[in-house]
Amino acid sequence: MMASVLKKNILVAGGAGFVGSHLCEALLGRGHRVICLDSFLTGREANILSLCAHRDFRLVRQDVIDPVILSEPLDQIYNLASPASPPHYQADPVHTMLTNVLGTSNLLKLALSRKARFVQASTSEVYGDPESHPQKEDYVGHVNCTGPRACYDEGKRAAEALCFDYARAGHVDVRVARIFNTYGPRMRPDDGRIVSNMIVQALEDQPMTIYGSGEQTRSFCYVSDLVAGLIALMDAPVAPGSAINLGNPQEFTINELAAMVRDLIPTRARLVHRPLPQDDPRRRRPDINRARTLLNWQPQIALSEGLPRTIDWFAAAQQDMSLPPLPARPAMQFSGLPT
């Protein structure tokens, strides 16, 4: 009886993605029923292949831009539905913006209809290229609202606004996680993130790309730590009432990361420098005092431990690294406007 009372029906939107698949796996391991909803625009079937035979796992192929209609009761909804790396979210910026705004709206409506608790996966990108360091949740950010990253940065900021409007109206119990750079197994080799880029390039003896001087900083959180933080946020008895940073506060320059990768992978790859992309943050490090205090959460896995695990996974999966190109989307149709 206790097991049946504790078992929850949980929807994970974006559940076939890098972080989403780890979250689905962790929730199944806790004895819950999991519905994975994914459009497979950037998610991969390989990420959830081992879960598909699980009796408490169900896959729904759908884009969150379309209304989400499910027959099951729902206790919790995690919204991780969005491309999260610049090459992917800039490939179709209109779709990225709509995924984060219209998709979040559709999932909030579903949460309202089912009285489900809701966790929104937001991002450290809402802080833009920050002028405050480290970044605290009350920092309002320094974002270029018309630049090439705006489809993601502003899309996530608008999604946060929607979530807190629903919360202030008393409609949905929402919790918002601002996720900082995350790495680990199941990253796409073509996702353009600095960790996967450097590992793949080093394994293939290709030039290792550093954008700008390499003195810009990032804070790298291992995926299992992030998943534990998301679950802790969802399971907190009382909603925090504000966004919560989830990330590892250890800060590294990109040059330091490159040196670590070269130490771990025997490679002849040389370092090449390319221009820094527009609006790329110069420093990034989360202040996680709220997460420590309210969720009793902090990362457990240092980069020195997580990076070798990630390299081992990429090395083992190297023969599968040639991914098909991202599926093309039809041109967006706007009612009442010429197409």
C-alpha atoms as a PDB file:
ATOM      1  CA  MET A   1       0.000   0.000   0.000  1.00  0.00           C
ATOM      2  CA  MET A   2       2.820   2.394   0.836  1.00  0.00           C
ATOM      3  CA  ALA A   3       4.459   1.776  -2.556  1.00  0.00           C
ATOM      4  CA  SER A   4       1.195   2.440  -4.405  1.00  0.00           C
ATOM      5  CA  VAL A   5       0.623   5.663  -2.456  1.00  0.00           C
ATOM      6  CA  LEU A   6       4.120   6.973  -3.223  1.00  0.00           C
ATOM      7  CA  LYS A   7       4.115   5.989  -6.905  1.00  0.00           C
ATOM      8  CA  LYS A   8       3.498   9.040  -9.106  1.00  0.00           C
ATOM      9  CA  ASN A   9       2.582   9.613 -12.728  1.00  0.00           C
ATOM     10  CA  ILE A  10       5.207  11.972 -14.104  1.00  0.00           C
ATOM     11  CA  LEU A  11       5.492  13.652 -17.500  1.00  0.00           C
ATOM     12  CA  VAL A  12       8.971  14.589 -18.715  1.00  0.00           C
ATOM     13  CA  ALA A  13       8.766  16.872 -21.758  1.00  0.00           C
ATOM     14  CA  GLY A  14      12.027  16.640 -23.663  1.00  0.00           C
ATOM     15  CA  GLY A  15      12.630  13.276 -22.024  1.00  0.00           C
ATOM     16  CA  ALA A  16      14.704  11.839 -24.886  1.00  0.00           C
ATOM     17  CA  GLY A  17      17.291  14.603 -24.635  1.00  0.00           C
ATOM     18  CA  PHE A  18      20.603  14.543 -22.817  1.00  0.00           C
ATOM     19  CA  VAL A  19      19.348  15.663 -19.399  1.00  0.00           C
ATOM     20  CA  GLY A  20      15.782  14.443 -19.915  1.00  0.00           C
ATOM     21  CA  SER A  21      16.781  10.836 -20.491  1.00  0.00           C
ATOM     22  CA  HIS A  22      18.827  10.777 -17.288  1.00  0.00           C
ATOM     23  CA  LEU A  23      15.857  12.277 -15.446  1.00  0.00           C
ATOM     24  CA  CYS A  24      13.479   9.632 -16.846  1.00  0.00           C
ATOM     25  CA  GLU A  25      15.897   6.915 -15.765  1.00  0.00           C
ATOM     26  CA  ALA A  26      16.218   8.323 -12.249  1.00  0.00           C
ATOM     27  CA  LEU A  27      12.443   8.664 -11.812  1.00  0.00           C
ATOM     28  CA  LEU A  28      11.853   5.081 -12.959  1.00  0.00           C
ATOM     29  CA  GLY A  29      14.535   3.999 -10.490  1.00  0.00           C
ATOM     30  CA  ARG A  30      12.499   5.651  -7.734  1.00  0.00           C
ATOM     31  CA  GLY A  31       9.477   3.572  -8.676  1.00  0.00           C
ATOM     32  CA  HIS A  32       7.420   6.159 -10.583  1.00  0.00           C
ATOM     33  CA  ARG A  33       5.506   5.897 -13.849  1.00  0.00           C
ATOM     34  CA  VAL A  34       7.115   8.084 -16.510  1.00  0.00           C
ATOM     35  CA  ILE A  35       5.674   9.500 -19.717  1.00  0.00           C
ATOM     36  CA  CYS A  36       8.427  10.777 -21.976  1.00  0.00           C
ATOM     37  CA  LEU A  37       7.214  13.363 -24.479  1.00  0.00           C
ATOM     38  CA  ASP A  38       9.668  14.364 -27.208  1.00  0.00           C
ATOM     39  CA  SER A  39       9.629  15.660 -30.782  1.00  0.00           C
ATOM     40  CA  PHE A  40      13.075  14.126 -31.452  1.00  0.00           C
ATOM     41  CA  LEU A  41      14.227  17.344 -33.036  1.00  0.00           C
ATOM     42  CA  THR A  42      17.352  17.169 -30.856  1.00  0.00           C
ATOM     43  CA  GLY A  43      16.480  14.213 -28.593  1.00  0.00           C
ATOM     44  CA  ARG A  44      17.749  10.748 -29.550  1.00  0.00           C
ATOM     45  CA  GLU A  45      16.010   7.387 -29.508  1.00  0.00           C
ATOM     46  CA  ALA A  46      19.279   5.813 -28.351  1.00  0.00           C
ATOM     47  CA  ASN A  47      19.039   7.809 -25.103  1.00  0.00           C
ATOM     48  CA  ILE A  48      15.841   6.039 -24.039  1.00  0.00           C
ATOM     49  CA  LEU A  49      16.214   2.692 -25.805  1.00  0.00           C
ATOM     50  CA  SER A  50      16.960   0.852 -22.566  1.00  0.00           C
ATOM     51  CA  LEU A  51      13.873   2.412 -20.932  1.00  0.00           C
ATOM     52  CA  CYS A  52      11.335   1.449 -23.575  1.00  0.00           C
ATOM     53  CA  ALA A  53      10.893  -2.099 -22.250  1.00  0.00           C
ATOM     54  CA  HIS A  54      10.175  -0.840 -18.723  1.00  0.00           C
ATOM     55  CA  ARG A  55       6.569  -1.460 -17.768  1.00  0.00           C
ATOM     56  CA  ASP A  56       6.241   2.004 -16.201  1.00  0.00           C
ATOM     57  CA  PHE A  57       7.645   3.919 -19.185  1.00  0.00           C
ATOM     58  CA  ARG A  58       5.650   5.328 -22.089  1.00  0.00           C
ATOM     59  CA  LEU A  59       6.882   7.358 -25.041  1.00  0.00           C
ATOM     60  CA  VAL A  60       4.804  10.046 -26.732  1.00  0.00           C
ATOM     61  CA  ARG A  61       6.184  11.580 -29.938  1.00  0.00           C
ATOM     62  CA  GLN A  62       4.966  15.152 -30.044  1.00  0.00           C
ATOM     63  CA  ASP A  63       6.081  18.746 -30.299  1.00  0.00           C
ATOM     64  CA  VAL A  64       5.047  20.821 -27.273  1.00  0.00           C
ATOM     65  CA  ILE A  65       4.093  23.653 -29.614  1.00  0.00           C
ATOM     66  CA  ASP A  66       0.963  21.599 -30.274  1.00  0.00           C
ATOM     67  CA  PRO A  67      -1.618  21.191 -27.463  1.00  0.00           C
ATOM     68  CA  VAL A  68      -0.625  18.314 -25.194  1.00  0.00           C
ATOM     69  CA  ILE A  69      -3.519  15.881 -24.692  1.00  0.00           C
ATOM     70  CA  LEU A  70      -2.944  12.855 -22.480  1.00  0.00           C
ATOM     71  CA  SER A  71      -5.363  10.380 -20.973  1.00  0.00           C
ATOM     72  CA  GLU A  72      -3.417   9.607 -17.786  1.00  0.00           C
ATOM     73  CA  PRO A  73      -3.701  11.489 -14.505  1.00  0.00           C
ATOM     74  CA  LEU A  74      -0.528  13.428 -13.760  1.00  0.00           C
ATOM     75  CA  ASP A  75       1.106  14.290 -10.458  1.00  0.00           C
ATOM     76  CA  GLN A  76       4.194  16.075 -11.766  1.00  0.00           C
ATOM     77  CA  ILE A  77       5.406  17.696 -14.992  1.00  0.00           C
ATOM     78  CA  TYR A  78       9.024  18.495 -15.825  1.00  0.00           C
ATOM     79  CA  ASN A  79       9.444  20.840 -18.795  1.00  0.00           C
ATOM     80  CA  LEU A  80      12.831  20.241 -20.429  1.00  0.00           C
ATOM     81  CA  ALA A  81      11.515  20.668 -23.968  1.00  0.00           C
ATOM     82  CA  SER A  82      13.882  22.960 -25.828  1.00  0.00           C
ATOM     83  CA  PRO A  83      17.115  22.739 -27.793  1.00  0.00           C
ATOM     84  CA  ALA A  84      19.793  23.922 -25.389  1.00  0.00           C
ATOM     85  CA  SER A  85      22.997  24.508 -27.367  1.00  0.00           C
ATOM     86  CA  PRO A  86      23.586  27.515 -29.653  1.00  0.00           C
ATOM     87  CA  PRO A  87      23.977  25.593 -32.955  1.00  0.00           C
ATOM     88  CA  HIS A  88      20.720  23.756 -32.302  1.00  0.00           C
ATOM     89  CA  TYR A  89      18.577  26.578 -30.970  1.00  0.00           C
ATOM     90  CA  GLN A  90      19.857  29.005 -33.615  1.00  0.00           C
ATOM     91  CA  ALA A  91      19.089  26.535 -36.442  1.00  0.00           C
ATOM     92  CA  ASP A  92      15.407  27.497 -36.231  1.00  0.00           C
ATOM     93  CA  PRO A  93      15.153  30.488 -33.897  1.00  0.00           C
ATOM     94  CA  VAL A  94      11.414  31.014 -34.416  1.00  0.00           C
ATOM     95  CA  HIS A  95      10.699  27.428 -33.422  1.00  0.00           C
ATOM     96  CA  THR A  96      13.024  27.762 -30.414  1.00  0.00           C
ATOM     97  CA  MET A  97      11.173  30.849 -29.185  1.00  0.00           C
ATOM     98  CA  LEU A  98       7.774  29.199 -29.676  1.00  0.00           C
ATOM     99  CA  THR A  99       8.935  26.003 -27.960  1.00  0.00           C
ATOM    100  CA  ASN A 100       9.861  27.993 -24.882  1.00  0.00           C
ATOM    101  CA  VAL A 101       6.830  30.290 -24.834  1.00  0.00           C
ATOM    102  CA  LEU A 102       3.951  28.438 -26.491  1.00  0.00           C
ATOM    103  CA  GLY A 103       5.262  25.034 -25.393  1.00  0.00           C
ATOM    104  CA  THR A 104       5.534  26.167 -21.774  1.00  0.00           C
ATOM    105  CA  SER A 105       2.038  27.646 -21.998  1.00  0.00           C
ATOM    106  CA  ASN A 106       0.633  24.342 -23.286  1.00  0.00           C
ATOM    107  CA  LEU A 107       2.295  22.376 -20.498  1.00  0.00           C
ATOM    108  CA  LEU A 108       1.144  24.852 -17.824  1.00  0.00           C
ATOM    109  CA  LYS A 109      -2.424  24.455 -19.095  1.00  0.00           C
ATOM    110  CA  LEU A 110      -2.012  20.689 -18.783  1.00  0.00           C
ATOM    111  CA  ALA A 111      -0.648  21.084 -15.240  1.00  0.00           C
ATOM    112  CA  LEU A 112      -3.622  23.280 -14.364  1.00  0.00           C
ATOM    113  CA  SER A 113      -6.118  20.732 -15.693  1.00  0.00           C
ATOM    114  CA  ARG A 114      -4.462  17.878 -13.754  1.00  0.00           C
ATOM    115  CA  LYS A 115      -3.475  19.830 -10.626  1.00  0.00           C
ATOM    116  CA  ALA A 116       0.081  18.665 -11.269  1.00  0.00           C
ATOM    117  CA  ARG A 117       3.198  20.175  -9.730  1.00  0.00           C
ATOM    118  CA  PHE A 118       5.394  21.808 -12.398  1.00  0.00           C
ATOM    119  CA  VAL A 119       9.177  22.223 -12.742  1.00  0.00           C
ATOM    120  CA  GLN A 120      10.428  24.526 -15.479  1.00  0.00           C
ATOM    121  CA  ALA A 121      13.954  23.920 -16.739  1.00  0.00           C
ATOM    122  CA  SER A 122      15.228  27.435 -17.261  1.00  0.00           C
ATOM    123  CA  THR A 123      18.843  28.382 -17.831  1.00  0.00           C
ATOM    124  CA  SER A 124      21.759  30.508 -16.713  1.00  0.00           C
ATOM    125  CA  GLU A 125      21.393  32.171 -20.125  1.00  0.00           C
ATOM    126  CA  VAL A 126      18.689  34.358 -18.580  1.00  0.00           C
ATOM    127  CA  TYR A 127      21.581  36.256 -16.972  1.00  0.00           C
ATOM    128  CA  GLY A 128      23.071  36.932 -20.427  1.00  0.00           C
ATOM    129  CA  ASP A 129      26.674  38.173 -20.390  1.00  0.00           C
ATOM    130  CA  PRO A 130      26.534  38.958 -16.676  1.00  0.00           C
ATOM    131  CA  GLU A 131      27.839  42.118 -15.083  1.00  0.00           C
ATOM    132  CA  SER A 132      27.388  40.555 -11.626  1.00  0.00           C
ATOM    133  CA  HIS A 133      29.569  37.653 -10.494  1.00  0.00           C
ATOM    134  CA  PRO A 134      28.839  35.044  -9.257  1.00  0.00           C
ATOM    135  CA  GLN A 135      25.255  35.074 -10.465  1.00  0.00           C
ATOM    136  CA  LYS A 136      22.567  35.183  -7.769  1.00  0.00           C
ATOM    137  CA  GLU A 137      18.911  34.541  -8.491  1.00  0.00           C
ATOM    138  CA  ASP A 138      17.964  38.159  -7.796  1.00  0.00           C
ATOM    139  CA  TYR A 139      20.304  39.427 -10.536  1.00  0.00           C
ATOM    140  CA  VAL A 140      18.042  40.565 -13.391  1.00  0.00           C
ATOM    141  CA  GLY A 141      20.570  39.907 -16.126  1.00  0.00           C
ATOM    142  CA  HIS A 142      22.319  41.603 -19.047  1.00  0.00           C
ATOM    143  CA  VAL A 143      20.692  40.110 -22.151  1.00  0.00           C
ATOM    144  CA  ASN A 144      20.685  41.308 -25.752  1.00  0.00           C
ATOM    145  CA  CYS A 145      16.992  40.931 -26.562  1.00  0.00           C
ATOM    146  CA  THR A 146      17.512  41.177 -30.352  1.00  0.00           C
ATOM    147  CA  GLY A 147      20.763  39.247 -30.819  1.00  0.00           C
ATOM    148  CA  PRO A 148      21.253  35.769 -32.310  1.00  0.00           C
ATOM    149  CA  ARG A 149      20.964  34.120 -28.873  1.00  0.00           C
ATOM    150  CA  ALA A 150      17.732  35.938 -27.991  1.00  0.00           C
ATOM    151  CA  CYS A 151      15.465  33.152 -29.263  1.00  0.00           C
ATOM    152  CA  TYR A 152      16.723  31.014 -26.387  1.00  0.00           C
ATOM    153  CA  ASP A 153      17.654  33.610 -23.750  1.00  0.00           C
ATOM    154  CA  GLU A 154      14.465  35.629 -24.094  1.00  0.00           C
ATOM    155  CA  GLY A 155      12.361  32.540 -24.722  1.00  0.00           C
ATOM    156  CA  LYS A 156      13.444  31.162 -21.354  1.00  0.00           C
ATOM    157  CA  ARG A 157      12.917  34.513 -19.642  1.00  0.00           C
ATOM    158  CA  ALA A 158       9.378  34.698 -21.053  1.00  0.00           C
ATOM    159  CA  ALA A 159       8.740  31.103 -19.951  1.00  0.00           C
ATOM    160  CA  GLU A 160       9.793  32.015 -16.412  1.00  0.00           C
ATOM    161  CA  ALA A 161       7.394  34.965 -16.475  1.00  0.00           C
ATOM    162  CA  LEU A 162       4.553  32.656 -17.527  1.00  0.00           C
ATOM    163  CA  CYS A 163       5.361  30.232 -14.731  1.00  0.00           C
ATOM    164  CA  PHE A 164       5.356  32.880 -12.037  1.00  0.00           C
ATOM    165  CA  ASP A 165       2.176  34.471 -13.398  1.00  0.00           C
ATOM    166  CA  TYR A 166       0.471  31.093 -13.041  1.00  0.00           C
ATOM    167  CA  ALA A 167       1.911  30.776  -9.530  1.00  0.00           C
ATOM    168  CA  ARG A 168       0.834  34.267  -8.417  1.00  0.00           C
ATOM    169  CA  ALA A 169      -2.681  33.569  -9.684  1.00  0.00           C
ATOM    170  CA  GLY A 170      -2.717  30.420  -7.550  1.00  0.00           C
ATOM    171  CA  HIS A 171      -3.272  28.211 -10.585  1.00  0.00           C
ATOM    172  CA  VAL A 172      -0.226  25.889 -10.540  1.00  0.00           C
ATOM    173  CA  ASP A 173       2.466  24.943  -8.035  1.00  0.00           C
ATOM    174  CA  VAL A 174       5.514  25.901 -10.124  1.00  0.00           C
ATOM    175  CA  ARG A 175       9.226  25.676  -9.439  1.00  0.00           C
ATOM    176  CA  VAL A 176      11.871  27.161 -11.769  1.00  0.00           C
ATOM    177  CA  ALA A 177      15.422  25.806 -12.061  1.00  0.00           C
ATOM    178  CA  ARG A 178      18.096  27.942 -13.693  1.00  0.00           C
ATOM    179  CA  ILE A 179      20.469  25.325 -15.055  1.00  0.00           C
ATOM    180  CA  PHE A 180      24.157  26.093 -15.534  1.00  0.00           C
ATOM    181  CA  ASN A 181      26.525  24.249 -17.893  1.00  0.00           C
ATOM    182  CA  THR A 182      25.912  20.518 -17.613  1.00  0.00           C
ATOM    183  CA  TYR A 183      27.947  17.649 -19.055  1.00  0.00           C
ATOM    184  CA  GLY A 184      28.089  13.856 -18.982  1.00  0.00           C
ATOM    185  CA  PRO A 185      27.187  10.732 -20.968  1.00  0.00           C
ATOM    186  CA  ARG A 186      24.572  11.035 -23.750  1.00  0.00           C
ATOM    187  CA  MET A 187      25.606  14.503 -24.860  1.00  0.00           C
ATOM    188  CA  ARG A 188      25.262  14.804 -28.617  1.00  0.00           C
ATOM    189  CA  PRO A 189      28.706  14.984 -30.247  1.00  0.00           C
ATOM    190  CA  ASP A 190      27.376  17.691 -32.575  1.00  0.00           C
ATOM    191  CA  ASP A 191      25.716  19.854 -29.939  1.00  0.00           C
ATOM    192  CA  GLY A 192      28.365  22.567 -30.056  1.00  0.00           C
ATOM    193  CA  ARG A 193      28.920  22.650 -26.289  1.00  0.00           C
ATOM    194  CA  ILE A 194      32.474  23.181 -25.155  1.00  0.00           C
ATOM    195  CA  VAL A 195      32.871  19.867 -23.290  1.00  0.00           C
ATOM    196  CA  SER A 196      31.557  17.647 -26.083  1.00  0.00           C
ATOM    197  CA  ASN A 197      33.391  19.692 -28.733  1.00  0.00           C
ATOM    198  CA  MET A 198      36.761  19.294 -27.058  1.00  0.00           C
ATOM    199  CA  ILE A 199      36.336  15.619 -26.232  1.00  0.00           C
ATOM    200  CA  VAL A 200      35.244  14.660 -29.749  1.00  0.00           C
ATOM    201  CA  GLN A 201      37.978  16.749 -31.367  1.00  0.00           C
ATOM    202  CA  ALA A 202      40.657  15.261 -29.101  1.00  0.00           C
ATOM    203  CA  LEU A 203      39.468  11.678 -29.685  1.00  0.00           C
ATOM    204  CA  GLU A 204      39.560  12.247 -33.437  1.00  0.00           C
ATOM    205  CA  ASP A 205      42.914  14.126 -33.370  1.00  0.00           C
ATOM    206  CA  GLN A 206      41.159  17.149 -34.847  1.00  0.00           C
ATOM    207  CA  PRO A 207      42.135  20.719 -33.921  1.00  0.00           C
ATOM    208  CA  MET A 208      40.557  21.645 -30.575  1.00  0.00           C
ATOM    209  CA  THR A 209      38.578  24.851 -30.954  1.00  0.00           C
ATOM    210  CA  ILE A 210      38.801  27.634 -28.398  1.00  0.00           C
ATOM    211  CA  TYR A 211      36.613  30.668 -28.999  1.00  0.00           C
ATOM    212  CA  GLY A 212      38.148  33.979 -28.028  1.00  0.00           C
ATOM    213  CA  SER A 213      41.131  34.048 -25.683  1.00  0.00           C
ATOM    214  CA  GLY A 214      39.990  31.021 -23.681  1.00  0.00           C
ATOM    215  CA  GLU A 215      40.063  33.058 -20.492  1.00  0.00           C
ATOM    216  CA  GLN A 216      36.258  33.192 -20.319  1.00  0.00           C
ATOM    217  CA  THR A 217      34.953  30.942 -17.551  1.00  0.00           C
ATOM    218  CA  ARG A 218      32.286  28.302 -17.084  1.00  0.00           C
ATOM    219  CA  SER A 219      31.103  26.130 -14.195  1.00  0.00           C
ATOM    220  CA  PHE A 220      30.502  22.501 -15.151  1.00  0.00           C
ATOM    221  CA  CYS A 221      27.878  20.356 -13.391  1.00  0.00           C
ATOM    222  CA  TYR A 222      27.807  16.584 -13.903  1.00  0.00           C
ATOM    223  CA  VAL A 223      24.444  15.382 -15.165  1.00  0.00           C
ATOM    224  CA  SER A 224      23.597  13.121 -12.212  1.00  0.00           C
ATOM    225  CA  ASP A 225      24.092  16.055  -9.827  1.00  0.00           C
ATOM    226  CA  LEU A 226      21.750  18.197 -11.911  1.00  0.00           C
ATOM    227  CA  VAL A 227      19.091  15.473 -12.016  1.00  0.00           C
ATOM    228  CA  ALA A 228      19.282  15.149  -8.222  1.00  0.00           C
ATOM    229  CA  GLY A 229      18.749  18.916  -7.979  1.00  0.00           C
ATOM    230  CA  LEU A 230      15.733  18.866 -10.295  1.00  0.00           C
ATOM    231  CA  ILE A 231      14.113  16.078  -8.290  1.00  0.00           C
ATOM    232  CA  ALA A 232      14.878  17.846  -5.006  1.00  0.00           C
ATOM    233  CA  LEU A 233      13.242  20.993  -6.373  1.00  0.00           C
ATOM    234  CA  MET A 234      10.153  19.073  -7.472  1.00  0.00           C
ATOM    235  CA  ASP A 235       9.873  17.212  -4.175  1.00  0.00           C
ATOM    236  CA  ALA A 236      10.388  20.232  -1.913  1.00  0.00           C
ATOM    237  CA  PRO A 237       7.277  20.471   0.306  1.00  0.00           C
ATOM    238  CA  VAL A 238       6.897  24.202  -0.379  1.00  0.00           C
ATOM    239  CA  ALA A 239       7.622  25.988  -3.647  1.00  0.00           C
ATOM    240  CA  PRO A 240      10.629  28.320  -3.188  1.00  0.00           C
ATOM    241  CA  GLY A 241       8.744  31.276  -4.672  1.00  0.00           C
ATOM    242  CA  SER A 242      11.714  32.296  -6.809  1.00  0.00           C
ATOM    243  CA  ALA A 243      14.019  30.714  -9.358  1.00  0.00           C
ATOM    244  CA  ILE A 244      16.731  28.407  -8.023  1.00  0.00           C
ATOM    245  CA  ASN A 245      20.222  28.133  -9.513  1.00  0.00           C
ATOM    246  CA  LEU A 246      21.347  24.551 -10.145  1.00  0.00           C
ATOM    247  CA  GLY A 247      24.981  24.194 -11.129  1.00  0.00           C
ATOM    248  CA  ASN A 248      28.467  23.516  -9.849  1.00  0.00           C
ATOM    249  CA  PRO A 249      30.077  26.645  -8.380  1.00  0.00           C
ATOM    250  CA  GLN A 250      33.614  25.502  -9.271  1.00  0.00           C
ATOM    251  CA  GLU A 251      34.796  27.902 -11.992  1.00  0.00           C
ATOM    252  CA  PHE A 252      37.239  27.051 -14.793  1.00  0.00           C
ATOM    253  CA  THR A 253      38.621  28.940 -17.753  1.00  0.00           C
ATOM    254  CA  ILE A 254      38.167  27.334 -21.156  1.00  0.00           C
ATOM    255  CA  ASN A 255      41.952  27.055 -21.376  1.00  0.00           C
ATOM    256  CA  GLU A 256      41.961  25.057 -18.129  1.00  0.00           C
ATOM    257  CA  LEU A 257      39.287  22.747 -19.502  1.00  0.00           C
ATOM    258  CA  ALA A 258      41.306  22.195 -22.696  1.00  0.00           C
ATOM    259  CA  ALA A 259      44.390  21.317 -20.637  1.00  0.00           C
ATOM    260  CA  MET A 260      42.392  18.771 -18.616  1.00  0.00           C
ATOM    261  CA  VAL A 261      41.023  17.128 -21.765  1.00  0.00           C
ATOM    262  CA  ARG A 262      44.512  16.936 -23.307  1.00  0.00           C
ATOM    263  CA  ASP A 263      45.862  15.362 -20.118  1.00  0.00           C
ATOM    264  CA  LEU A 264      43.158  12.671 -20.211  1.00  0.00           C
ATOM    265  CA  ILE A 265      43.145  11.874 -23.935  1.00  0.00           C
ATOM    266  CA  PRO A 266      46.360  10.935 -25.776  1.00  0.00           C
ATOM    267  CA  THR A 267      46.035  13.250 -28.757  1.00  0.00           C
ATOM    268  CA  ARG A 268      48.094  15.119 -31.311  1.00  0.00           C
ATOM    269  CA  ALA A 269      45.318  17.697 -31.624  1.00  0.00           C
ATOM    270  CA  ARG A 270      46.498  21.291 -31.562  1.00  0.00           C
ATOM    271  CA  LEU A 271      44.562  24.227 -30.156  1.00  0.00           C
ATOM    272  CA  VAL A 272      43.033  26.684 -32.613  1.00  0.00           C
ATOM    273  CA  HIS A 273      41.406  29.972 -31.701  1.00  0.00           C
ATOM    274  CA  ARG A 274      38.266  31.301 -33.359  1.00  0.00           C
ATOM    275  CA  PRO A 275      36.426  34.604 -32.806  1.00  0.00           C
ATOM    276  CA  LEU A 276      34.178  34.724 -29.762  1.00  0.00           C
ATOM    277  CA  PRO A 277      30.508  34.438 -30.800  1.00  0.00           C
ATOM    278  CA  GLN A 278      28.293  37.477 -30.310  1.00  0.00           C
ATOM    279  CA  ASP A 279      26.918  37.859 -26.758  1.00  0.00           C
ATOM    280  CA  ASP A 280      28.900  34.850 -25.486  1.00  0.00           C
ATOM    281  CA  PRO A 281      29.152  35.209 -21.672  1.00  0.00           C
ATOM    282  CA  ARG A 282      32.615  36.107 -20.379  1.00  0.00           C
ATOM    283  CA  ARG A 283      32.119  34.670 -16.878  1.00  0.00           C
ATOM    284  CA  ARG A 284      29.652  32.205 -15.507  1.00  0.00           C
ATOM    285  CA  ARG A 285      29.405  30.789 -12.007  1.00  0.00           C
ATOM    286  CA  PRO A 286      26.270  30.097  -9.981  1.00  0.00           C
ATOM    287  CA  ASP A 287      25.619  31.201  -6.457  1.00  0.00           C
ATOM    288  CA  ILE A 288      23.854  28.095  -5.077  1.00  0.00           C
ATOM    289  CA  ASN A 289      23.165  29.252  -1.519  1.00  0.00           C
ATOM    290  CA  ARG A 290      19.391  29.038  -2.099  1.00  0.00           C
ATOM    291  CA  ALA A 291      19.667  25.468  -3.367  1.00  0.00           C
ATOM    292  CA  ARG A 292      21.819  24.511  -0.373  1.00  0.00           C
ATOM    293  CA  THR A 293      19.424  26.121   2.089  1.00  0.00           C
ATOM    294  CA  LEU A 294      16.019  25.304   0.582  1.00  0.00           C
ATOM    295  CA  LEU A 295      16.732  21.970  -1.101  1.00  0.00           C
ATOM    296  CA  ASN A 296      19.674  20.657   0.923  1.00  0.00           C
ATOM    297  CA  TRP A 297      21.369  20.153  -2.445  1.00  0.00           C
ATOM    298  CA  GLN A 298      24.840  20.734  -3.771  1.00  0.00           C
ATOM    299  CA  PRO A 299      26.923  18.971  -6.433  1.00  0.00           C
ATOM    300  CA  GLN A 300      28.907  15.910  -5.386  1.00  0.00           C
ATOM    301  CA  ILE A 301      30.993  15.213  -8.500  1.00  0.00           C
ATOM    302  CA  ALA A 302      33.946  17.455  -9.308  1.00  0.00           C
ATOM    303  CA  LEU A 303      35.080  18.056 -12.882  1.00  0.00           C
ATOM    304  CA  SER A 304      38.178  15.961 -12.182  1.00  0.00           C
ATOM    305  CA  GLU A 305      35.854  12.989 -11.567  1.00  0.00           C
ATOM    306  CA  GLY A 306      33.078  13.640 -14.071  1.00  0.00           C
ATOM    307  CA  LEU A 307      35.265  14.519 -17.056  1.00  0.00           C
ATOM    308  CA  PRO A 308      36.976  11.087 -17.228  1.00  0.00           C
ATOM    309  CA  ARG A 309      33.545   9.395 -17.010  1.00  0.00           C
ATOM    310  CA  THR A 310      32.315  11.533 -19.887  1.00  0.00           C
ATOM    311  CA  ILE A 311      35.407  10.835 -21.977  1.00  0.00           C
ATOM    312  CA  ASP A 312      35.014   7.079 -21.371  1.00  0.00           C
ATOM    313  CA  TRP A 313      31.418   7.260 -22.611  1.00  0.00           C
ATOM    314  CA  PHE A 314      32.371   9.192 -25.749  1.00  0.00           C
ATOM    315  CA  ALA A 315      35.252   6.798 -26.457  1.00  0.00           C
ATOM    316  CA  ALA A 316      32.947   3.783 -26.140  1.00  0.00           C
ATOM    317  CA  ALA A 317      30.321   5.393 -28.363  1.00  0.00           C
ATOM    318  CA  GLN A 318      32.806   6.719 -30.911  1.00  0.00           C
ATOM    319  CA  GLN A 319      31.632   4.422 -33.697  1.00  0.00           C
ATOM    320  CA  ASP A 320      28.120   5.906 -33.376  1.00  0.00           C
ATOM    321  CA  MET A 321      29.229   9.521 -33.414  1.00  0.00           C
ATOM    322  CA  SER A 322      28.262  10.157 -37.024  1.00  0.00           C
ATOM    323  CA  LEU A 323      24.725  11.346 -36.342  1.00  0.00           C
ATOM    324  CA  PRO A 324      22.241  12.103 -39.094  1.00  0.00           C
ATOM    325  CA  PRO A 325      21.630  15.833 -39.556  1.00  0.00           C
ATOM    326  CA  LEU A 326      18.949  17.387 -37.409  1.00  0.00           C
ATOM    327  CA  PRO A 327      15.544  16.856 -39.042  1.00  0.00           C
ATOM    328  CA  ALA A 328      14.426  19.770 -41.169  1.00  0.00           C
ATOM    329  CA  ARG A 329      11.297  21.569 -40.043  1.00  0.00           C
ATOM    330  CA  PRO A 330       8.762  22.962 -42.483  1.00  0.00           C
ATOM    331  CA  ALA A 331       8.664  26.724 -42.709  1.00  0.00           C
ATOM    332  CA  MET A 332       6.644  28.217 -39.861  1.00  0.00           C
ATOM    333  CA  GLN A 333       3.150  29.228 -40.907  1.00  0.00           C
ATOM    334  CA  PHE A 334       1.680  32.440 -39.499  1.00  0.00           C
ATOM    335  CA  SER A 335      -2.067  32.825 -39.695  1.00  0.00           C
ATOM    336  CA  GLY A 336      -3.170  35.942 -41.559  1.00  0.00           C
ATOM    337  CA  LEU A 337       0.288  36.719 -42.945  1.00  0.00           C
ATOM    338  CA  PRO A 338       1.723  35.929 -46.382  1.00  0.00           C
ATOM    339  CA  THR A 339       3.986  32.867 -46.436  1.00  0.00           C
END
